Protein backbone atom coordinates (compact mmCIF):
# COMPACT_ATOMS: atom_id res chain seq x y z
CA MET A 1 76.85 -30.45 -3.60
CA THR A 2 79.40 -33.11 -2.67
CA LEU A 3 78.46 -36.33 -0.93
CA ALA A 4 80.08 -35.14 2.31
CA MET A 5 78.08 -31.92 2.26
CA LEU A 6 74.85 -33.83 1.62
CA MET A 7 75.51 -36.29 4.45
CA GLN A 8 76.28 -33.45 6.86
CA SER A 9 73.49 -31.03 5.85
CA SER A 10 70.70 -33.35 6.91
CA PRO A 11 72.02 -33.82 10.47
CA SER A 12 72.30 -30.03 10.76
CA ARG A 13 68.62 -29.58 9.93
CA ALA A 14 67.67 -32.46 12.23
CA ASN A 15 69.67 -31.00 15.14
CA GLU A 16 67.90 -27.67 14.69
CA LEU A 17 64.52 -29.42 14.83
CA PHE A 18 65.64 -31.32 17.93
CA GLU A 19 66.52 -28.04 19.67
CA ARG A 20 63.25 -26.36 18.74
CA LEU A 21 61.26 -29.39 19.84
CA SER A 22 63.11 -29.55 23.17
CA ASP A 23 62.27 -25.90 23.88
CA THR A 24 58.50 -26.50 23.68
CA SER A 25 56.36 -26.92 26.80
CA ASP A 26 53.84 -29.64 27.58
CA GLY A 27 50.99 -27.28 26.75
CA ALA A 28 52.18 -26.63 23.19
CA VAL A 29 50.71 -29.86 21.81
CA LYS A 30 50.02 -28.55 18.30
CA THR A 31 53.52 -27.10 17.98
CA ARG A 32 55.08 -30.35 19.17
CA GLU A 33 53.06 -32.39 16.70
CA LYS A 34 54.08 -30.10 13.84
CA LEU A 35 57.80 -30.05 14.72
CA PHE A 36 57.88 -33.79 15.39
CA GLY A 37 56.31 -34.43 11.98
CA GLU A 38 59.06 -32.35 10.32
CA LEU A 39 61.77 -34.14 12.35
CA LYS A 40 60.43 -37.59 11.51
CA ALA A 41 60.25 -36.74 7.80
CA GLU A 42 63.83 -35.37 7.83
CA LEU A 43 65.33 -38.42 9.59
CA GLU A 44 63.46 -40.94 7.48
CA LEU A 45 64.41 -39.12 4.27
CA HIS A 46 68.12 -39.14 5.17
CA ALA A 47 68.07 -42.84 6.07
CA SER A 48 66.03 -43.83 3.01
CA LEU A 49 68.31 -42.01 0.55
CA GLU A 50 71.42 -43.65 2.06
CA GLU A 51 69.84 -47.12 1.97
CA GLN A 52 68.63 -46.62 -1.60
CA HIS A 53 71.66 -45.05 -3.31
CA LEU A 54 74.77 -45.47 -1.10
CA PHE A 55 74.52 -48.72 0.85
CA PRO A 56 74.08 -51.05 -2.20
CA LEU A 57 77.48 -49.94 -3.51
CA LEU A 58 79.19 -50.22 -0.13
CA ARG A 59 77.90 -53.78 0.41
CA LYS A 60 80.00 -54.92 -2.55
CA ASN A 61 83.22 -53.80 -0.85
CA ALA A 62 84.70 -55.93 1.93
CA GLU A 63 86.04 -52.91 3.81
CA THR A 64 82.66 -51.18 4.08
CA LYS A 65 80.34 -54.17 4.33
CA GLU A 66 80.38 -54.27 8.14
CA LEU A 67 79.95 -50.48 8.36
CA VAL A 68 76.85 -50.73 6.21
CA ALA A 69 75.40 -53.40 8.50
CA GLU A 70 75.94 -51.18 11.55
CA ALA A 71 74.41 -48.17 9.77
CA VAL A 72 71.35 -50.17 8.76
CA LYS A 73 70.98 -51.37 12.36
CA ASP A 74 71.16 -47.76 13.60
CA ASN A 75 68.49 -46.73 11.10
CA LYS A 76 66.24 -49.55 12.26
CA GLU A 77 66.62 -48.53 15.91
CA MET A 78 65.97 -44.91 14.98
CA ARG A 79 62.74 -45.81 13.18
CA ALA A 80 61.59 -47.80 16.21
CA LYS A 81 62.21 -44.83 18.52
CA LEU A 82 60.38 -42.55 16.09
CA ALA A 83 57.37 -44.86 16.04
CA GLU A 84 57.37 -44.99 19.86
CA LEU A 85 57.49 -41.19 20.09
CA GLU A 86 54.78 -40.81 17.44
CA ALA A 87 52.39 -43.03 19.42
CA LEU A 88 53.17 -41.22 22.68
CA PRO A 89 50.90 -38.24 23.55
CA LYS A 90 52.84 -35.03 22.96
CA ASN A 91 51.92 -33.67 26.40
CA ASP A 92 53.07 -36.82 28.19
CA GLU A 93 55.71 -36.35 30.89
CA ALA A 94 57.89 -39.04 29.28
CA PHE A 95 58.00 -37.28 25.90
CA PRO A 96 61.02 -34.99 26.62
CA GLN A 97 63.05 -37.90 28.02
CA ARG A 98 62.32 -40.16 25.03
CA LEU A 99 63.13 -37.29 22.69
CA SER A 100 66.47 -36.75 24.44
CA GLU A 101 67.32 -40.44 24.03
CA LEU A 102 66.53 -40.27 20.32
CA GLN A 103 68.69 -37.16 19.95
CA LYS A 104 71.68 -38.82 21.63
CA ALA A 105 71.36 -41.89 19.41
CA PHE A 106 71.12 -39.73 16.29
CA ARG A 107 74.18 -37.65 17.24
CA GLN A 108 76.20 -40.81 17.78
CA HIS A 109 75.04 -42.14 14.41
CA ALA A 110 76.04 -38.87 12.73
CA ARG A 111 79.50 -38.97 14.36
CA ASP A 112 80.00 -42.57 13.20
CA GLU A 113 79.08 -41.65 9.66
CA LYS A 114 81.46 -38.72 9.71
CA LYS A 115 84.47 -40.45 11.22
CA GLU A 116 84.10 -43.99 9.88
CA LEU A 117 81.60 -44.31 7.04
CA LEU A 118 82.51 -41.22 5.03
CA PRO A 119 86.32 -41.90 4.93
CA ALA A 120 85.58 -45.52 4.02
CA VAL A 121 83.30 -44.35 1.20
CA LYS A 122 86.11 -42.21 -0.23
CA ARG A 123 88.47 -45.18 -0.15
CA ALA A 124 86.04 -47.77 -1.47
CA LEU A 125 84.34 -45.85 -4.27
CA SER A 126 85.75 -44.04 -7.23
CA SER A 127 85.20 -40.34 -7.84
CA GLU A 128 82.65 -41.12 -10.56
CA GLN A 129 80.66 -43.41 -8.26
CA ILE A 130 80.69 -40.84 -5.44
CA GLU A 131 79.52 -38.14 -7.86
CA VAL A 132 76.65 -40.32 -9.12
CA VAL A 133 75.55 -41.11 -5.55
CA ALA A 134 75.74 -37.41 -4.62
CA GLU A 135 73.60 -36.44 -7.62
CA LYS A 136 70.96 -39.05 -6.79
CA MET A 137 70.82 -38.05 -3.12
CA GLU A 138 70.68 -34.36 -4.03
CA ALA A 139 67.80 -35.07 -6.40
CA GLY A 140 66.02 -36.96 -3.61
CA PHE A 141 66.42 -34.03 -1.21
CA ALA A 142 65.20 -31.60 -3.88
CA GLU A 143 62.20 -33.78 -4.67
CA ALA A 144 61.26 -33.98 -0.99
CA GLU A 145 61.62 -30.20 -0.60
CA GLN A 146 59.46 -29.63 -3.66
CA ALA A 147 56.83 -31.99 -2.25
CA LYS A 148 56.76 -29.99 0.99
CA GLN A 149 56.38 -26.74 -0.93
CA ASP A 150 53.58 -28.21 -3.04
CA GLU A 151 51.80 -29.41 0.09
CA ALA A 152 52.14 -25.98 1.71
CA GLU A 153 50.84 -24.31 -1.45
CA GLU A 154 47.89 -26.70 -1.52
CA ARG A 155 47.06 -25.84 2.09
CA ARG A 156 47.27 -22.13 1.31
CA ALA A 157 45.05 -22.57 -1.77
CA LYS A 158 42.51 -24.50 0.27
CA ALA A 159 42.48 -21.82 2.98
CA ARG A 160 42.14 -19.13 0.32
CA GLN A 161 39.22 -21.00 -1.26
CA GLN A 162 37.51 -21.30 2.11
CA ARG A 163 37.94 -17.56 2.71
CA GLU A 164 36.53 -16.76 -0.73
CA GLN A 165 33.52 -19.03 -0.12
CA ALA A 166 32.90 -17.33 3.23
CA GLU A 167 33.09 -13.91 1.56
CA LEU A 168 30.66 -15.02 -1.16
CA LYS A 169 28.22 -16.29 1.48
CA ALA A 170 28.48 -13.00 3.37
CA GLU A 171 27.88 -11.01 0.18
CA ALA A 172 24.89 -13.22 -0.72
CA ALA A 173 23.43 -12.74 2.76
CA GLU A 174 23.92 -8.98 2.48
CA ARG A 175 22.25 -8.89 -0.95
CA GLU A 176 19.36 -10.96 0.39
CA GLN A 177 18.96 -8.58 3.33
CA GLN A 178 18.99 -5.58 1.01
CA ALA A 179 16.42 -7.29 -1.24
CA ARG A 180 14.14 -7.95 1.73
CA ALA A 181 14.46 -4.32 2.84
CA ALA A 182 13.66 -3.11 -0.69
CA ALA A 183 10.65 -5.45 -0.85
CA GLU A 184 9.40 -4.09 2.47
CA ARG A 185 9.76 -0.51 1.21
CA ARG A 186 7.88 -1.37 -1.98
CA SER A 187 5.13 -3.05 0.04
CA ARG A 188 4.70 -0.01 2.26
CA GLU A 189 4.70 2.33 -0.76
CA THR A 190 2.09 0.18 -2.50
CA ALA A 191 -0.11 0.15 0.63
CA ARG A 192 0.18 3.94 0.89
CA GLN A 193 -0.77 4.39 -2.75
CA VAL A 194 -3.77 2.08 -2.35
CA ALA A 195 -4.91 4.03 0.72
CA ASP A 196 -4.50 7.35 -1.11
CA ALA A 197 -6.47 6.01 -4.07
CA ALA A 198 -9.29 4.87 -1.77
CA LEU A 199 -9.54 8.33 -0.17
CA LYS A 200 -9.73 10.25 -3.45
CA PRO A 201 -13.45 9.47 -4.22
CA VAL A 202 -14.48 10.56 -0.72
CA GLU A 203 -12.46 13.78 -1.02
CA ALA A 204 -13.98 14.49 -4.42
CA THR A 205 -17.49 13.92 -3.00
CA ASN A 206 -16.84 16.27 -0.11
CA ALA A 207 -15.51 18.97 -2.43
CA ALA A 208 -18.57 18.75 -4.72
CA ALA A 209 -20.91 18.86 -1.74
CA ALA A 210 -19.15 21.98 -0.48
CA ARG A 211 -19.61 23.70 -3.85
CA VAL A 212 -23.33 22.90 -3.86
CA ALA A 213 -23.67 24.18 -0.29
CA ARG A 214 -22.07 27.48 -1.30
CA LEU A 215 -24.53 27.88 -4.17
CA VAL A 216 -27.48 27.35 -1.83
CA THR A 217 -26.12 29.80 0.74
CA GLN A 218 -25.56 32.52 -1.83
CA ALA A 219 -28.99 32.01 -3.23
CA SER A 220 -30.59 32.36 0.22
CA ARG A 221 -29.09 35.80 0.64
CA SER A 222 -30.88 37.13 -2.46
CA ASN A 223 -34.66 37.34 -2.85
CA GLY A 224 -36.80 34.33 -2.33
CA GLU A 225 -37.53 33.72 -5.98
CA THR A 226 -33.87 33.64 -6.82
CA ALA A 227 -33.29 31.22 -3.91
CA ARG A 228 -35.95 28.88 -5.21
CA ARG A 229 -34.43 28.97 -8.69
CA ALA A 230 -30.95 28.28 -7.24
CA SER A 231 -32.27 25.39 -5.18
CA ALA A 232 -34.13 24.02 -8.19
CA SER A 233 -30.99 24.34 -10.33
CA ALA A 234 -28.71 22.81 -7.65
CA ALA A 235 -30.83 19.66 -7.24
CA PRO A 236 -30.29 18.35 -10.78
CA PHE A 237 -26.60 19.17 -10.55
CA THR A 238 -26.31 17.22 -7.34
CA ASN A 239 -28.30 14.27 -8.68
CA LEU A 240 -26.32 14.20 -11.91
CA PHE A 241 -22.73 14.49 -10.66
CA LEU A 242 -22.80 13.39 -7.01
CA TRP A 243 -25.23 10.51 -7.03
CA PRO A 244 -22.60 7.76 -7.56
CA TRP A 245 -20.51 9.03 -4.66
CA LEU A 246 -23.50 9.92 -2.45
CA SER A 247 -24.62 6.31 -2.64
CA MET A 248 -21.26 5.31 -1.16
CA VAL A 249 -21.45 7.93 1.60
CA PRO A 250 -25.04 7.82 2.94
CA GLY A 251 -26.45 10.76 4.85
CA LEU A 252 -24.11 13.34 3.28
CA GLU A 253 -25.47 16.88 3.77
CA GLN A 254 -24.53 19.68 1.39
CA SER A 255 -23.35 22.11 4.03
CA GLN A 256 -20.21 23.08 5.92
CA SER A 257 -19.31 23.44 9.55
CA LEU A 258 -18.00 26.63 11.01
CA SER A 259 -14.41 25.34 10.67
CA GLY A 260 -14.85 24.67 6.94
CA SER A 261 -14.73 20.83 7.15
CA PRO A 262 -17.45 18.79 5.38
CA VAL A 263 -20.49 17.77 7.46
CA ARG A 264 -22.85 14.87 6.80
CA THR A 265 -26.07 13.88 8.55
CA VAL A 266 -26.48 10.39 9.99
CA ALA A 267 -29.42 8.72 8.30
CA GLY A 268 -29.62 5.56 10.42
CA PRO A 269 -29.74 4.92 14.14
CA GLN A 270 -25.91 4.91 14.40
CA GLU A 271 -22.73 5.34 12.40
CA VAL A 272 -19.17 4.26 13.13
CA ILE A 273 -16.51 6.93 12.67
CA PRO A 274 -13.09 5.32 12.15
CA LEU A 275 -10.14 7.09 13.72
CA GLY A 276 -6.77 6.30 12.14
CA GLU A 277 -3.19 7.17 12.87
CA GLU A 278 0.24 6.84 11.31
CA VAL A 279 2.79 4.51 12.88
CA LEU A 280 6.51 5.19 12.58
CA GLU A 281 8.41 2.17 11.20
CA ALA A 282 12.20 2.13 11.11
CA THR A 283 14.12 -0.27 8.85
CA LYS A 284 17.81 -0.48 8.09
CA ARG A 285 20.16 -0.83 5.11
CA THR A 286 23.85 -1.64 4.77
CA GLU A 287 26.29 1.03 3.59
CA ASN A 288 29.89 0.55 2.44
CA ARG A 289 32.11 2.43 4.93
CA GLY A 290 35.45 1.71 3.20
CA THR A 291 37.77 -1.19 2.40
CA ALA A 292 40.64 -2.39 4.60
CA ARG A 293 43.66 -3.50 2.56
CA ILE A 294 46.50 -5.63 3.97
CA ARG A 295 49.57 -6.08 1.74
CA ARG A 296 52.30 -8.62 2.41
CA TYR A 297 55.77 -7.89 1.07
CA VAL A 298 59.25 -9.42 1.48
CA VAL A 299 62.21 -7.72 3.15
CA GLU A 300 65.79 -9.01 3.33
CA THR A 301 67.79 -8.91 6.55
CA GLN A 302 71.46 -9.75 6.99
CA VAL A 303 71.86 -12.38 9.72
CA GLU A 304 74.82 -14.32 11.03
CA GLN A 305 75.27 -17.53 12.99
CA GLN A 306 78.30 -19.15 14.56
CA VAL A 307 79.11 -22.75 13.58
CA THR A 308 81.70 -24.89 15.36
CA LEU A 309 83.81 -26.76 12.81
CA GLU A 310 86.17 -29.67 13.35
CA SER A 311 89.12 -30.70 11.21
CA GLU A 312 91.51 -33.63 11.22
CA ARG A 313 95.00 -33.42 9.78
CA VAL A 314 97.74 -36.02 9.47
CA ILE A 315 100.75 -35.49 11.76
CA VAL A 316 103.97 -37.35 10.92
CA GLU A 317 106.53 -37.74 13.68
CA ARG A 318 109.95 -39.37 13.57
CA ARG A 319 111.42 -40.71 16.81
CA ARG A 320 113.97 -43.18 18.05
CA PRO A 321 112.65 -46.60 19.03
CA VAL A 322 112.90 -47.71 22.63
CA GLN A 323 114.71 -50.85 21.51
CA ASP A 324 116.23 -51.91 18.26
CA LYS A 325 114.51 -55.28 18.12
CA VAL A 326 112.44 -55.66 14.94
CA THR A 327 108.80 -56.32 15.80
CA GLY A 328 107.16 -55.84 12.41
CA GLU A 329 107.76 -56.18 8.74
CA VAL A 330 110.70 -54.13 7.54
CA LEU A 331 112.86 -53.73 4.44
CA THR A 332 109.81 -53.90 2.14
CA ASP A 333 107.90 -51.28 0.20
CA LEU A 334 104.92 -49.98 2.17
CA THR A 335 102.48 -47.13 1.50
CA ILE A 336 100.10 -45.84 4.15
CA GLU A 337 97.33 -43.38 3.39
CA MET A 338 95.48 -41.32 5.96
CA VAL A 339 92.68 -38.99 5.03
CA GLU A 340 92.65 -35.46 6.32
CA THR A 341 89.16 -34.11 6.88
CA ALA A 342 87.82 -30.67 7.64
CA GLU A 343 84.32 -29.50 8.29
CA VAL A 344 83.07 -26.65 6.18
CA PRO A 345 79.96 -24.61 6.89
CA VAL A 346 76.96 -25.58 4.82
CA VAL A 347 74.51 -22.74 4.52
CA SER A 348 70.93 -23.56 3.65
CA LYS A 349 67.68 -21.76 4.17
CA ARG A 350 64.26 -23.10 4.94
CA GLN A 351 60.92 -21.46 5.29
CA ARG A 352 59.00 -21.44 8.52
CA LEU A 353 55.85 -19.77 9.78
CA ARG A 354 56.85 -16.76 11.91
CA GLU A 355 53.51 -15.10 12.53
CA GLU A 356 49.93 -15.12 11.28
CA ILE A 357 47.84 -12.09 10.37
CA VAL A 358 44.15 -12.80 10.86
CA VAL A 359 41.85 -10.57 8.82
CA ARG A 360 38.21 -10.81 9.79
CA THR A 361 35.14 -8.64 10.20
CA GLU A 362 33.55 -8.00 13.56
CA ARG A 363 29.86 -7.18 13.75
CA THR A 364 28.58 -4.97 16.56
CA GLN A 365 25.15 -3.63 17.36
CA HIS A 366 24.03 -0.27 18.67
CA VAL A 367 20.65 1.34 19.22
CA GLU A 368 19.94 4.58 17.39
CA THR A 369 16.82 6.70 17.94
CA VAL A 370 15.03 7.96 14.83
CA GLN A 371 12.45 10.76 14.85
CA ASP A 372 9.69 11.81 12.46
CA THR A 373 6.20 13.33 12.50
CA VAL A 374 3.13 11.06 12.35
CA ARG A 375 -0.54 11.94 12.00
CA ARG A 376 -3.62 10.58 13.76
CA ASP A 377 -7.31 11.26 13.91
CA GLU A 378 -8.90 13.15 16.81
CA VAL A 379 -12.65 13.49 17.53
CA GLU A 380 -14.54 16.60 18.70
CA ILE A 381 -18.01 16.05 20.20
CA ASP A 382 -20.57 18.91 20.25
CA GLN A 383 -23.82 17.92 22.01
CA PRO A 384 -26.87 20.21 22.43
CA GLY A 385 -27.47 21.49 25.97
CA LYS A 386 -23.82 21.33 26.99
CA LYS A 387 -21.73 24.45 27.36
CA GLN A 388 -18.28 22.99 26.52
CA LEU A 389 -16.87 20.80 23.85
CA THR A 390 -15.59 17.36 24.67
CA ARG A 391 -12.49 16.08 22.92
CA GLY A 392 -11.65 12.41 22.71
CA ARG A 393 -8.61 10.43 21.56
CA THR A 394 -8.11 6.96 20.24
């Protein structure tokens, strides 16, 4: 890029930022702070590159020395206005007015550079010097743009890292919840197995007692001698095989009720009959219901924008003087040079945030009714002298 293009491209970007900042409302504080930060960086970068690479060469030339002093003064005033605006709250009523004053001063500075400083630079510096200055300023602009891209990439990487950490925490919490649910299921299964194991000796004792009772009953139906032999043979069998379990279940009688359930006689003054029941317990587990996938891709759109360009050309007119009296130097060699200028469109592109897509999970709760069959103990009381049975519940 030429030096003229570089000196005109920065004001174009700054004017665009001025317009966007002027369109914001007092409530858009965050947007104003962001746009003002970009505007401040753009103006300070343009002024710093001129003061660093261009002004030292122009100070050595008598024709441009005064122009440099005026440009440096304008830059100083611009920095003061920027500092004043930076300290001012972005929702203050005076902010738009101060911004408008800064914009007017910057436009005047840009016009002065275009009409006075740039033609003087072309006259004072050689083509090689102008090319060197243009290369240095272009490198400065590229370095600043790269720094902005690196900063944006760093912010994106930090946001991505935060999202990944949040996802890892959510996955860890889900695994912990699943582990707790599995531990609860194992605990319930272990308790059920222990209960089943505790009931097996009692069931075995009841079954053996029922077999002995059947032997005695069958023997009673035959002759008396056979009954005595059956009773005598059943006693050792009972003492041999059932004694360990009978000691745990005192008062067990080797007989059956009419319904077929085992019956035992209470040996002491009282006995406590425990009545148990099953309780329905509902837990929960997490299932994967699918994965939502959001893909970002780039599309290209042809756009156009109108730019107002100005040009200056040299017009030479020949006319008759009003009087023939000589008022200046004549009859000597004289060469006059006037520079014709023309504005050309400078097309550049920048990246800006158009919209944000927020991807998050939303947790809701609902109540679901579960059903199953549970068991419980009932008690049936049969007392002598009463005509009906009494049922009781726990």
